[in-house]
Amino acid sequence: MKTITSILLSVCCIFTVNAKRVYRSEFLPFDTREAAEQLDRTGISKYIPYNGEDTVDIPTDWFDSFIYLRLGSEEYDLTSYLRQGVNSFEKWAGREGYLFAQEKRSVWDYSVTLVPDSLGRDFGMLDLEIIVRNGYNYPEPITVGYDIYDPTGKLLDFSVNEVTVDGRSTDTLRFTPYIYHTYDHRWQPNITKKEVSAPRCAQYWPAFAF
């Protein structure tokens, strides 16, 4: 009688990562609004500090998202180049930054300008553009909101809007609310602040001063 022995071999493959550089505002998604307001990165589900290692093991649950590497002022889109398992980061070895993942329905970029009234009246107009991105192959609704606060923490304006974005594309939402009493704080470096969120995607971004 023959004995048949089955042997399971485990092979570890290290994939060399290329990247495409992207140009946009710096983002770091948070899991809750409270964490975003406090800039608390503890326990963020899709954030990994990068300390210049030669290899990085990307969590399996990241692969339904866009994956980026941020190194100072540089950002790289790694989404199409990563593989499950250990990936080689030799080209960035010795540099420090962080890896993060954004949902397929998310805020891609924003621009914001506070325009004082030309006649010197006590209000200004906020020119806010938010670019949203849908990474799926079919149209998807994306809910985008913003909050505007003055330096004392008073809520000046807010908005929540839903837009349907075609698959594999972006759309730009523009808001122009009037912000009253802007001259009350004209000598303060932080005239006001805003918080951009995509709550249906369970991601928030911190308040940015301008």
N, C-alpha and C. Protein backbone atom coordinates (compact mmCIF):
# COMPACT_ATOMS: atom_id res chain seq x y z
N MET A 1 0.85 -1.21 0.00
CA MET A 1 0.00 0.00 0.00
C MET A 1 0.88 1.24 0.00
N LYS A 2 0.62 2.12 -0.95
CA LYS A 2 1.41 3.33 -1.04
C LYS A 2 0.85 4.42 -0.13
N THR A 3 1.73 5.18 0.46
CA THR A 3 1.34 6.33 1.27
C THR A 3 1.63 7.60 0.49
N ILE A 4 0.63 8.41 0.31
CA ILE A 4 0.78 9.65 -0.45
C ILE A 4 0.84 10.81 0.54
N THR A 5 1.92 11.54 0.51
CA THR A 5 2.09 12.68 1.41
C THR A 5 1.92 13.97 0.62
N SER A 6 1.05 14.83 1.14
CA SER A 6 0.80 16.12 0.50
C SER A 6 1.62 17.18 1.19
N ILE A 7 2.39 17.94 0.44
CA ILE A 7 3.23 19.00 1.00
C ILE A 7 2.75 20.34 0.45
N LEU A 8 2.47 21.30 1.35
CA LEU A 8 2.02 22.63 0.95
C LEU A 8 3.20 23.58 1.05
N LEU A 9 3.57 24.18 -0.04
CA LEU A 9 4.67 25.13 -0.06
C LEU A 9 4.12 26.54 -0.01
N SER A 10 4.68 27.35 0.84
CA SER A 10 4.29 28.75 0.96
C SER A 10 5.39 29.61 0.34
N VAL A 11 5.06 30.38 -0.66
CA VAL A 11 6.04 31.20 -1.36
C VAL A 11 5.70 32.66 -1.13
N CYS A 12 6.67 33.43 -0.66
CA CYS A 12 6.47 34.86 -0.42
C CYS A 12 7.03 35.63 -1.60
N CYS A 13 6.18 36.38 -2.28
CA CYS A 13 6.64 37.18 -3.42
C CYS A 13 6.69 38.64 -3.01
N ILE A 14 7.74 39.33 -3.39
CA ILE A 14 7.87 40.76 -3.13
C ILE A 14 7.71 41.50 -4.45
N PHE A 15 6.69 42.33 -4.53
CA PHE A 15 6.40 43.04 -5.76
C PHE A 15 7.07 44.41 -5.74
N THR A 16 7.74 44.76 -6.83
CA THR A 16 8.36 46.07 -6.94
C THR A 16 7.30 47.08 -7.35
N VAL A 17 7.23 48.18 -6.60
CA VAL A 17 6.16 49.15 -6.79
C VAL A 17 6.65 50.32 -7.64
N ASN A 18 5.92 50.62 -8.70
CA ASN A 18 6.09 51.86 -9.44
C ASN A 18 5.03 52.84 -8.93
N ALA A 19 4.96 54.01 -9.50
CA ALA A 19 3.99 54.97 -9.01
C ALA A 19 3.76 56.08 -10.01
N LYS A 20 2.60 56.70 -9.90
CA LYS A 20 2.27 57.88 -10.69
C LYS A 20 2.10 59.06 -9.74
N ARG A 21 2.88 60.12 -9.95
CA ARG A 21 2.78 61.28 -9.07
C ARG A 21 1.50 62.05 -9.37
N VAL A 22 0.85 62.52 -8.32
CA VAL A 22 -0.37 63.30 -8.47
C VAL A 22 -0.14 64.67 -7.83
N TYR A 23 -0.90 65.64 -8.30
CA TYR A 23 -0.75 67.02 -7.82
C TYR A 23 -2.11 67.50 -7.32
N ARG A 24 -2.20 67.66 -6.02
CA ARG A 24 -3.44 68.13 -5.40
C ARG A 24 -3.14 68.56 -3.97
N SER A 25 -4.17 69.02 -3.26
CA SER A 25 -4.01 69.40 -1.87
C SER A 25 -3.71 68.16 -1.03
N GLU A 26 -3.04 68.38 0.11
CA GLU A 26 -2.74 67.24 0.97
C GLU A 26 -4.00 66.77 1.69
N PHE A 27 -4.22 65.46 1.67
CA PHE A 27 -5.38 64.89 2.32
C PHE A 27 -4.96 63.80 3.29
N LEU A 28 -5.75 63.67 4.33
CA LEU A 28 -5.62 62.53 5.23
C LEU A 28 -7.01 62.20 5.73
N PRO A 29 -7.59 61.09 5.32
CA PRO A 29 -8.95 60.76 5.75
C PRO A 29 -8.98 60.30 7.20
N PHE A 30 -10.01 60.71 7.90
CA PHE A 30 -10.26 60.27 9.27
C PHE A 30 -11.55 59.47 9.31
N ASP A 31 -11.68 58.65 10.33
CA ASP A 31 -12.86 57.80 10.44
C ASP A 31 -14.04 58.53 11.08
N THR A 32 -13.77 59.57 11.89
CA THR A 32 -14.84 60.30 12.57
C THR A 32 -14.57 61.79 12.48
N ARG A 33 -15.62 62.57 12.60
CA ARG A 33 -15.48 64.03 12.60
C ARG A 33 -14.64 64.49 13.79
N GLU A 34 -14.84 63.86 14.94
CA GLU A 34 -14.09 64.26 16.13
C GLU A 34 -12.59 64.08 15.93
N ALA A 35 -12.19 62.97 15.31
CA ALA A 35 -10.77 62.73 15.06
C ALA A 35 -10.22 63.76 14.08
N ALA A 36 -11.02 64.13 13.07
CA ALA A 36 -10.57 65.13 12.10
C ALA A 36 -10.36 66.48 12.76
N GLU A 37 -11.28 66.89 13.63
CA GLU A 37 -11.17 68.18 14.30
C GLU A 37 -9.94 68.24 15.20
N GLN A 38 -9.58 67.12 15.80
CA GLN A 38 -8.45 67.08 16.72
C GLN A 38 -7.16 66.63 16.05
N LEU A 39 -7.22 66.36 14.74
CA LEU A 39 -6.06 65.84 14.00
C LEU A 39 -5.48 64.61 14.67
N ASP A 40 -6.38 63.77 15.17
CA ASP A 40 -5.98 62.56 15.89
C ASP A 40 -5.88 61.39 14.91
N ARG A 41 -4.64 60.96 14.64
CA ARG A 41 -4.43 59.89 13.68
C ARG A 41 -4.42 58.51 14.34
N THR A 42 -4.69 58.44 15.63
CA THR A 42 -4.66 57.17 16.34
C THR A 42 -5.79 56.26 15.85
N GLY A 43 -5.44 55.08 15.43
CA GLY A 43 -6.45 54.09 15.08
C GLY A 43 -7.18 54.33 13.78
N ILE A 44 -6.66 55.20 12.91
CA ILE A 44 -7.31 55.41 11.61
C ILE A 44 -7.22 54.12 10.81
N SER A 45 -8.32 53.68 10.26
CA SER A 45 -8.36 52.36 9.64
C SER A 45 -7.56 52.27 8.35
N LYS A 46 -7.40 53.39 7.64
CA LYS A 46 -6.70 53.34 6.36
C LYS A 46 -5.56 54.36 6.31
N TYR A 47 -4.70 54.25 7.31
CA TYR A 47 -3.53 55.12 7.42
C TYR A 47 -2.39 54.33 8.03
N ILE A 48 -1.22 54.38 7.39
CA ILE A 48 -0.04 53.69 7.90
C ILE A 48 1.15 54.65 7.84
N PRO A 49 1.81 54.95 8.97
CA PRO A 49 3.03 55.76 8.89
C PRO A 49 4.10 55.02 8.10
N TYR A 50 4.81 55.75 7.27
CA TYR A 50 5.90 55.15 6.49
C TYR A 50 7.22 55.75 6.97
N ASN A 51 8.11 54.90 7.45
CA ASN A 51 9.37 55.35 8.04
C ASN A 51 10.59 54.94 7.22
N GLY A 52 10.40 54.83 5.92
CA GLY A 52 11.53 54.55 5.04
C GLY A 52 11.88 53.08 4.90
N GLU A 53 10.96 52.17 5.21
CA GLU A 53 11.23 50.74 5.10
C GLU A 53 11.44 50.32 3.65
N ASP A 54 12.17 49.22 3.45
CA ASP A 54 12.39 48.68 2.11
C ASP A 54 11.14 47.99 1.57
N THR A 55 10.33 47.41 2.45
CA THR A 55 9.12 46.70 2.03
C THR A 55 7.95 47.10 2.92
N VAL A 56 6.77 46.99 2.36
CA VAL A 56 5.54 47.29 3.10
C VAL A 56 4.50 46.24 2.75
N ASP A 57 3.82 45.75 3.76
CA ASP A 57 2.72 44.79 3.57
C ASP A 57 1.41 45.56 3.65
N ILE A 58 0.72 45.70 2.53
CA ILE A 58 -0.51 46.48 2.47
C ILE A 58 -1.68 45.63 2.96
N PRO A 59 -2.51 46.15 3.87
CA PRO A 59 -3.66 45.38 4.36
C PRO A 59 -4.60 44.97 3.22
N THR A 60 -5.14 43.78 3.32
CA THR A 60 -6.00 43.25 2.27
C THR A 60 -7.22 44.13 2.02
N ASP A 61 -7.80 44.70 3.09
CA ASP A 61 -9.03 45.47 2.92
C ASP A 61 -8.80 46.84 2.29
N TRP A 62 -7.55 47.19 1.97
CA TRP A 62 -7.27 48.44 1.27
C TRP A 62 -7.52 48.33 -0.23
N PHE A 63 -7.60 47.15 -0.75
CA PHE A 63 -7.59 46.98 -2.20
C PHE A 63 -8.94 47.25 -2.86
N ASP A 64 -9.92 47.74 -2.11
CA ASP A 64 -11.15 48.24 -2.70
C ASP A 64 -11.16 49.77 -2.69
N SER A 65 -9.97 50.37 -2.53
CA SER A 65 -9.83 51.81 -2.41
C SER A 65 -8.71 52.31 -3.30
N PHE A 66 -8.60 53.64 -3.40
CA PHE A 66 -7.41 54.25 -3.99
C PHE A 66 -6.33 54.31 -2.91
N ILE A 67 -5.11 53.99 -3.27
CA ILE A 67 -4.02 53.93 -2.29
C ILE A 67 -2.93 54.91 -2.69
N TYR A 68 -2.51 55.75 -1.74
CA TYR A 68 -1.55 56.80 -2.00
C TYR A 68 -0.40 56.76 -0.99
N LEU A 69 0.74 57.28 -1.44
CA LEU A 69 1.90 57.47 -0.58
C LEU A 69 2.20 58.96 -0.56
N ARG A 70 2.26 59.53 0.66
CA ARG A 70 2.57 60.95 0.81
C ARG A 70 3.95 61.09 1.43
N LEU A 71 4.84 61.81 0.74
CA LEU A 71 6.20 62.07 1.21
C LEU A 71 6.43 63.58 1.17
N GLY A 72 6.21 64.25 2.29
CA GLY A 72 6.34 65.70 2.30
C GLY A 72 5.34 66.34 1.37
N SER A 73 5.84 67.12 0.40
CA SER A 73 4.96 67.78 -0.56
C SER A 73 4.63 66.90 -1.77
N GLU A 74 5.19 65.69 -1.81
CA GLU A 74 4.97 64.80 -2.95
C GLU A 74 3.93 63.73 -2.60
N GLU A 75 3.09 63.42 -3.58
CA GLU A 75 2.11 62.36 -3.40
C GLU A 75 2.11 61.46 -4.63
N TYR A 76 2.00 60.15 -4.37
CA TYR A 76 2.05 59.17 -5.44
C TYR A 76 0.83 58.25 -5.37
N ASP A 77 0.25 58.00 -6.53
CA ASP A 77 -0.88 57.07 -6.64
C ASP A 77 -0.31 55.68 -6.90
N LEU A 78 -0.49 54.79 -5.92
CA LEU A 78 0.04 53.44 -6.01
C LEU A 78 -1.02 52.41 -6.39
N THR A 79 -2.24 52.86 -6.60
CA THR A 79 -3.38 51.94 -6.72
C THR A 79 -3.16 50.84 -7.75
N SER A 80 -2.69 51.20 -8.92
CA SER A 80 -2.58 50.23 -10.02
C SER A 80 -1.32 49.38 -9.93
N TYR A 81 -0.44 49.69 -8.98
CA TYR A 81 0.86 49.03 -8.95
C TYR A 81 1.06 48.09 -7.77
N LEU A 82 0.24 48.21 -6.75
CA LEU A 82 0.38 47.37 -5.57
C LEU A 82 -0.25 46.00 -5.80
N ARG A 83 0.27 45.03 -5.11
CA ARG A 83 -0.28 43.67 -5.12
C ARG A 83 -0.46 43.22 -3.67
N GLN A 84 -1.40 42.32 -3.46
CA GLN A 84 -1.59 41.79 -2.11
C GLN A 84 -0.32 41.06 -1.69
N GLY A 85 0.08 41.32 -0.47
CA GLY A 85 1.32 40.75 0.03
C GLY A 85 2.36 41.83 0.25
N VAL A 86 3.62 41.44 0.27
CA VAL A 86 4.70 42.36 0.56
C VAL A 86 5.12 43.07 -0.73
N ASN A 87 5.22 44.40 -0.67
CA ASN A 87 5.61 45.20 -1.82
C ASN A 87 6.93 45.92 -1.55
N SER A 88 7.77 45.99 -2.57
CA SER A 88 9.07 46.65 -2.43
C SER A 88 8.93 48.16 -2.54
N PHE A 89 9.46 48.87 -1.55
CA PHE A 89 9.47 50.32 -1.54
C PHE A 89 10.90 50.85 -1.59
N GLU A 90 11.79 50.12 -2.21
CA GLU A 90 13.21 50.48 -2.20
C GLU A 90 13.46 51.88 -2.77
N LYS A 91 12.67 52.28 -3.76
CA LYS A 91 12.91 53.59 -4.39
C LYS A 91 12.63 54.74 -3.44
N TRP A 92 11.90 54.48 -2.34
CA TRP A 92 11.62 55.52 -1.36
C TRP A 92 12.30 55.23 -0.01
N ALA A 93 13.14 54.22 0.04
CA ALA A 93 13.78 53.84 1.30
C ALA A 93 14.53 55.03 1.90
N GLY A 94 14.36 55.20 3.19
CA GLY A 94 15.03 56.29 3.90
C GLY A 94 14.21 57.56 4.00
N ARG A 95 13.14 57.67 3.23
CA ARG A 95 12.26 58.84 3.32
C ARG A 95 11.10 58.53 4.26
N GLU A 96 10.47 59.56 4.77
CA GLU A 96 9.38 59.37 5.73
C GLU A 96 8.11 60.06 5.24
N GLY A 97 6.99 59.46 5.57
CA GLY A 97 5.69 60.01 5.21
C GLY A 97 4.60 59.09 5.70
N TYR A 98 3.60 58.88 4.87
CA TYR A 98 2.52 57.97 5.28
C TYR A 98 1.80 57.44 4.06
N LEU A 99 1.22 56.27 4.23
CA LEU A 99 0.34 55.65 3.24
C LEU A 99 -1.09 55.82 3.70
N PHE A 100 -2.00 56.05 2.76
CA PHE A 100 -3.40 56.12 3.14
C PHE A 100 -4.27 55.67 1.97
N ALA A 101 -5.48 55.29 2.29
CA ALA A 101 -6.43 54.83 1.28
C ALA A 101 -7.67 55.71 1.32
N GLN A 102 -8.18 56.04 0.14
CA GLN A 102 -9.43 56.78 0.02
C GLN A 102 -10.47 55.90 -0.63
N GLU A 103 -11.71 56.05 -0.18
CA GLU A 103 -12.79 55.29 -0.76
C GLU A 103 -12.95 55.61 -2.25
N LYS A 104 -13.56 54.71 -2.99
CA LYS A 104 -13.78 54.93 -4.41
C LYS A 104 -14.69 56.13 -4.67
N ARG A 105 -15.53 56.46 -3.71
CA ARG A 105 -16.35 57.68 -3.78
C ARG A 105 -15.79 58.64 -2.74
N SER A 106 -15.12 59.68 -3.17
CA SER A 106 -14.43 60.53 -2.20
C SER A 106 -14.15 61.91 -2.78
N VAL A 107 -13.65 62.80 -1.91
CA VAL A 107 -13.21 64.12 -2.33
C VAL A 107 -11.82 63.98 -2.95
N TRP A 108 -11.67 64.46 -4.18
CA TRP A 108 -10.37 64.37 -4.85
C TRP A 108 -9.51 65.60 -4.56
N ASP A 109 -10.11 66.79 -4.59
CA ASP A 109 -9.34 68.01 -4.33
C ASP A 109 -10.31 69.14 -4.00
N TYR A 110 -9.75 70.27 -3.62
CA TYR A 110 -10.58 71.44 -3.32
C TYR A 110 -9.74 72.70 -3.55
N SER A 111 -10.41 73.82 -3.72
CA SER A 111 -9.77 75.12 -3.71
C SER A 111 -10.70 76.08 -2.98
N VAL A 112 -10.12 77.01 -2.25
CA VAL A 112 -10.95 77.92 -1.45
C VAL A 112 -10.30 79.29 -1.40
N THR A 113 -11.12 80.32 -1.60
CA THR A 113 -10.66 81.71 -1.54
C THR A 113 -11.73 82.53 -0.83
N LEU A 114 -11.31 83.37 0.09
CA LEU A 114 -12.23 84.30 0.73
C LEU A 114 -12.02 85.67 0.09
N VAL A 115 -13.05 86.16 -0.62
CA VAL A 115 -12.95 87.40 -1.37
C VAL A 115 -13.64 88.52 -0.60
N PRO A 116 -12.89 89.53 -0.11
CA PRO A 116 -13.52 90.64 0.61
C PRO A 116 -14.44 91.44 -0.30
N ASP A 117 -15.42 92.09 0.28
CA ASP A 117 -16.31 92.94 -0.51
C ASP A 117 -15.52 94.12 -1.05
N SER A 118 -15.69 94.44 -2.32
CA SER A 118 -14.90 95.49 -2.97
C SER A 118 -15.18 96.88 -2.42
N LEU A 119 -16.35 97.07 -1.78
CA LEU A 119 -16.70 98.37 -1.22
C LEU A 119 -16.38 98.47 0.27
N GLY A 120 -15.73 97.45 0.80
CA GLY A 120 -15.33 97.50 2.20
C GLY A 120 -16.44 97.21 3.18
N ARG A 121 -17.55 96.68 2.70
CA ARG A 121 -18.64 96.32 3.62
C ARG A 121 -18.25 95.11 4.45
N ASP A 122 -18.99 94.88 5.51
CA ASP A 122 -18.58 93.91 6.53
C ASP A 122 -18.94 92.48 6.15
N PHE A 123 -18.59 92.07 4.97
CA PHE A 123 -18.78 90.67 4.60
C PHE A 123 -17.86 90.35 3.43
N GLY A 124 -17.67 89.08 3.22
CA GLY A 124 -16.90 88.61 2.08
C GLY A 124 -17.62 87.42 1.46
N MET A 125 -17.18 87.01 0.31
CA MET A 125 -17.76 85.85 -0.36
C MET A 125 -16.73 84.72 -0.40
N LEU A 126 -17.18 83.56 0.00
CA LEU A 126 -16.33 82.38 -0.03
C LEU A 126 -16.48 81.69 -1.39
N ASP A 127 -15.38 81.53 -2.09
CA ASP A 127 -15.39 80.81 -3.36
C ASP A 127 -14.77 79.44 -3.11
N LEU A 128 -15.62 78.43 -2.99
CA LEU A 128 -15.20 77.08 -2.61
C LEU A 128 -15.53 76.10 -3.72
N GLU A 129 -14.53 75.41 -4.22
CA GLU A 129 -14.74 74.36 -5.21
C GLU A 129 -14.29 73.03 -4.61
N ILE A 130 -15.14 72.02 -4.71
CA ILE A 130 -14.83 70.69 -4.21
C ILE A 130 -14.94 69.71 -5.38
N ILE A 131 -13.86 69.00 -5.65
CA ILE A 131 -13.85 68.02 -6.73
C ILE A 131 -14.06 66.64 -6.13
N VAL A 132 -15.10 65.95 -6.57
CA VAL A 132 -15.40 64.61 -6.08
C VAL A 132 -15.08 63.60 -7.17
N ARG A 133 -14.72 62.40 -6.73
CA ARG A 133 -14.26 61.37 -7.67
C ARG A 133 -15.00 60.07 -7.43
N ASN A 134 -15.43 59.44 -8.53
CA ASN A 134 -16.08 58.13 -8.47
C ASN A 134 -15.18 57.13 -9.18
N GLY A 135 -14.64 56.18 -8.44
CA GLY A 135 -13.73 55.20 -9.01
C GLY A 135 -14.40 53.93 -9.49
N TYR A 136 -15.72 53.84 -9.33
CA TYR A 136 -16.43 52.66 -9.81
C TYR A 136 -16.71 52.78 -11.32
N ASN A 137 -17.15 51.70 -11.91
CA ASN A 137 -17.40 51.68 -13.35
C ASN A 137 -18.79 52.19 -13.73
N TYR A 138 -19.59 52.56 -12.76
CA TYR A 138 -20.96 52.96 -13.01
C TYR A 138 -21.29 54.19 -12.16
N PRO A 139 -22.34 54.93 -12.51
CA PRO A 139 -22.68 56.15 -11.76
C PRO A 139 -22.96 55.84 -10.28
N GLU A 140 -22.49 56.73 -9.42
CA GLU A 140 -22.67 56.55 -7.98
C GLU A 140 -23.00 57.90 -7.35
N PRO A 141 -23.92 57.92 -6.34
CA PRO A 141 -24.17 59.17 -5.61
C PRO A 141 -23.08 59.43 -4.58
N ILE A 142 -22.67 60.67 -4.45
CA ILE A 142 -21.69 61.08 -3.46
C ILE A 142 -22.26 62.26 -2.69
N THR A 143 -22.29 62.15 -1.38
CA THR A 143 -22.76 63.23 -0.53
C THR A 143 -21.57 64.01 0.01
N VAL A 144 -21.56 65.31 -0.24
CA VAL A 144 -20.45 66.16 0.17
C VAL A 144 -20.98 67.30 1.02
N GLY A 145 -20.29 67.58 2.11
CA GLY A 145 -20.71 68.67 2.98
C GLY A 145 -19.54 69.53 3.40
N TYR A 146 -19.85 70.73 3.86
CA TYR A 146 -18.82 71.59 4.43
C TYR A 146 -19.41 72.38 5.59
N ASP A 147 -18.56 72.74 6.54
CA ASP A 147 -18.91 73.61 7.66
C ASP A 147 -17.94 74.78 7.66
N ILE A 148 -18.43 75.99 7.91
CA ILE A 148 -17.60 77.18 8.00
C ILE A 148 -17.69 77.74 9.41
N TYR A 149 -16.54 77.92 10.07
CA TYR A 149 -16.50 78.45 11.43
C TYR A 149 -15.65 79.72 11.48
N ASP A 150 -15.98 80.62 12.41
CA ASP A 150 -15.09 81.75 12.64
C ASP A 150 -14.05 81.37 13.69
N PRO A 151 -13.06 82.23 13.98
CA PRO A 151 -12.00 81.86 14.93
C PRO A 151 -12.47 81.56 16.34
N THR A 152 -13.69 81.98 16.68
CA THR A 152 -14.21 81.69 18.02
C THR A 152 -14.90 80.34 18.08
N GLY A 153 -15.03 79.68 16.94
CA GLY A 153 -15.71 78.39 16.90
C GLY A 153 -17.17 78.48 16.53
N LYS A 154 -17.66 79.68 16.22
CA LYS A 154 -19.05 79.85 15.85
C LYS A 154 -19.28 79.35 14.43
N LEU A 155 -20.34 78.56 14.24
CA LEU A 155 -20.69 78.05 12.92
C LEU A 155 -21.31 79.18 12.10
N LEU A 156 -20.68 79.49 10.95
CA LEU A 156 -21.17 80.57 10.10
C LEU A 156 -22.04 80.06 8.95
N ASP A 157 -21.70 78.90 8.43
CA ASP A 157 -22.45 78.38 7.30
C ASP A 157 -22.17 76.89 7.16
N PHE A 158 -23.11 76.17 6.59
CA PHE A 158 -22.90 74.75 6.33
C PHE A 158 -23.75 74.33 5.14
N SER A 159 -23.40 73.21 4.56
CA SER A 159 -24.16 72.72 3.43
C SER A 159 -23.91 71.22 3.26
N VAL A 160 -24.93 70.49 2.87
CA VAL A 160 -24.81 69.07 2.55
C VAL A 160 -25.49 68.86 1.21
N ASN A 161 -24.78 68.26 0.28
CA ASN A 161 -25.28 68.13 -1.07
C ASN A 161 -24.96 66.74 -1.62
N GLU A 162 -25.86 66.22 -2.45
CA GLU A 162 -25.63 64.94 -3.08
C GLU A 162 -25.54 65.14 -4.59
N VAL A 163 -24.53 64.53 -5.19
CA VAL A 163 -24.35 64.61 -6.63
C VAL A 163 -24.08 63.21 -7.15
N THR A 164 -24.65 62.88 -8.30
CA THR A 164 -24.38 61.59 -8.94
C THR A 164 -23.27 61.78 -9.96
N VAL A 165 -22.20 61.01 -9.80
CA VAL A 165 -21.01 61.15 -10.64
C VAL A 165 -20.89 59.91 -11.53
N ASP A 166 -20.63 60.13 -12.80
CA ASP A 166 -20.46 59.01 -13.73
C ASP A 166 -19.28 58.14 -13.31
N GLY A 167 -19.30 56.90 -13.77
CA GLY A 167 -18.24 55.98 -13.44
C GLY A 167 -16.89 56.43 -13.98
N ARG A 168 -15.82 56.21 -13.18
CA ARG A 168 -14.46 56.54 -13.58
C ARG A 168 -14.31 58.00 -13.98
N SER A 169 -14.92 58.89 -13.20
CA SER A 169 -14.84 60.30 -13.56
C SER A 169 -14.93 61.17 -12.31
N THR A 170 -14.78 62.48 -12.52
CA THR A 170 -14.86 63.45 -11.44
C THR A 170 -15.93 64.49 -11.76
N ASP A 171 -16.33 65.23 -10.75
CA ASP A 171 -17.26 66.33 -10.93
C ASP A 171 -16.88 67.42 -9.94
N THR A 172 -17.16 68.65 -10.29
CA THR A 172 -16.79 69.80 -9.44
C THR A 172 -18.04 70.48 -8.92
N LEU A 173 -18.11 70.64 -7.61
CA LEU A 173 -19.19 71.38 -6.97
C LEU A 173 -18.64 72.73 -6.54
N ARG A 174 -19.37 73.80 -6.82
CA ARG A 174 -18.92 75.14 -6.46
C ARG A 174 -19.95 75.79 -5.53
N PHE A 175 -19.43 76.41 -4.47
CA PHE A 175 -20.27 77.08 -3.48
C PHE A 175 -19.75 78.50 -3.29
N THR A 176 -20.68 79.46 -3.17
CA THR A 176 -20.27 80.86 -3.00
C THR A 176 -21.09 81.52 -1.88
N PRO A 177 -21.01 81.03 -0.66
CA PRO A 177 -21.77 81.65 0.43
C PRO A 177 -21.15 82.98 0.87
N TYR A 178 -21.99 83.89 1.36
CA TYR A 178 -21.49 85.13 1.94
C TYR A 178 -21.10 84.87 3.39
N ILE A 179 -19.95 85.38 3.77
CA ILE A 179 -19.46 85.24 5.14
C ILE A 179 -19.45 86.63 5.77
N TYR A 180 -20.34 86.84 6.73
CA TYR A 180 -20.48 88.15 7.33
C TYR A 180 -19.48 88.35 8.47
N HIS A 181 -19.20 89.61 8.78
CA HIS A 181 -18.28 90.02 9.86
C HIS A 181 -16.85 89.55 9.60
N THR A 182 -16.47 89.41 8.33
CA THR A 182 -15.10 88.98 8.04
C THR A 182 -14.08 90.02 8.49
N TYR A 183 -14.45 91.31 8.47
CA TYR A 183 -13.50 92.35 8.86
C TYR A 183 -13.27 92.39 10.37
N ASP A 184 -14.12 91.73 11.13
CA ASP A 184 -13.89 91.65 12.58
C ASP A 184 -12.60 90.92 12.89
N HIS A 185 -12.15 90.07 11.99
CA HIS A 185 -10.97 89.23 12.24
C HIS A 185 -9.90 89.46 11.17
N ARG A 186 -9.89 90.67 10.55
CA ARG A 186 -9.01 90.87 9.41
C ARG A 186 -7.52 90.86 9.77
N TRP A 187 -7.19 91.07 11.06
CA TRP A 187 -5.79 91.05 11.46
C TRP A 187 -5.38 89.71 12.04
N GLN A 188 -6.28 88.76 12.06
CA GLN A 188 -5.95 87.44 12.58
C GLN A 188 -5.53 86.54 11.42
N PRO A 189 -4.50 85.71 11.62
CA PRO A 189 -4.02 84.87 10.51
C PRO A 189 -5.06 83.87 10.03
N ASN A 190 -5.93 83.40 10.93
CA ASN A 190 -6.97 82.45 10.55
C ASN A 190 -8.30 83.18 10.51
N ILE A 191 -8.68 83.64 9.33
CA ILE A 191 -9.93 84.39 9.23
C ILE A 191 -11.11 83.49 9.60
N THR A 192 -11.09 82.32 9.11
CA THR A 192 -12.13 81.35 9.44
C THR A 192 -11.58 79.98 9.09
N LYS A 193 -12.37 78.97 9.22
CA LYS A 193 -11.90 77.63 8.85
C LYS A 193 -13.07 76.86 8.27
N LYS A 194 -12.75 75.85 7.53
CA LYS A 194 -13.78 75.02 6.94
C LYS A 194 -13.46 73.57 7.21
N GLU A 195 -14.48 72.76 7.12
CA GLU A 195 -14.30 71.32 7.22
C GLU A 195 -15.07 70.68 6.08
N VAL A 196 -14.37 69.89 5.29
CA VAL A 196 -14.97 69.20 4.15
C VAL A 196 -15.18 67.75 4.51
N SER A 197 -16.32 67.20 4.17
CA SER A 197 -16.57 65.81 4.52
C SER A 197 -17.35 65.11 3.42
N ALA A 198 -17.17 63.81 3.39
CA ALA A 198 -17.97 62.94 2.52
C ALA A 198 -18.59 61.89 3.45
N PRO A 199 -19.62 62.27 4.22
CA PRO A 199 -20.09 61.40 5.30
C PRO A 199 -20.63 60.06 4.87
N ARG A 200 -21.22 59.96 3.68
CA ARG A 200 -21.75 58.66 3.25
C ARG A 200 -20.62 57.69 2.95
N CYS A 201 -19.43 58.22 2.74
CA CYS A 201 -18.26 57.38 2.50
C CYS A 201 -17.49 57.15 3.81
N ALA A 202 -18.01 57.66 4.90
CA ALA A 202 -17.40 57.49 6.22
C ALA A 202 -15.98 58.04 6.27
N GLN A 203 -15.76 59.17 5.61
CA GLN A 203 -14.45 59.80 5.65
C GLN A 203 -14.62 61.29 5.88
N TYR A 204 -13.73 61.83 6.70
CA TYR A 204 -13.76 63.25 7.02
C TYR A 204 -12.36 63.82 6.84
N TRP A 205 -12.31 65.12 6.59
CA TRP A 205 -11.04 65.79 6.47
C TRP A 205 -10.97 66.92 7.50
N PRO A 206 -9.78 67.24 7.97
CA PRO A 206 -9.67 68.22 9.04
C PRO A 206 -10.04 69.62 8.58
N ALA A 207 -10.26 70.51 9.54
CA ALA A 207 -10.57 71.88 9.23
C ALA A 207 -9.29 72.57 8.73
N PHE A 208 -9.43 73.34 7.64
CA PHE A 208 -8.31 74.04 7.07
C PHE A 208 -8.52 75.52 7.26
N ALA A 209 -7.50 76.20 7.75
CA ALA A 209 -7.60 77.66 7.94
C ALA A 209 -7.28 78.37 6.64
N PHE A 210 -7.93 79.52 6.42
CA PHE A 210 -7.58 80.32 5.26
C PHE A 210 -7.92 81.78 5.56
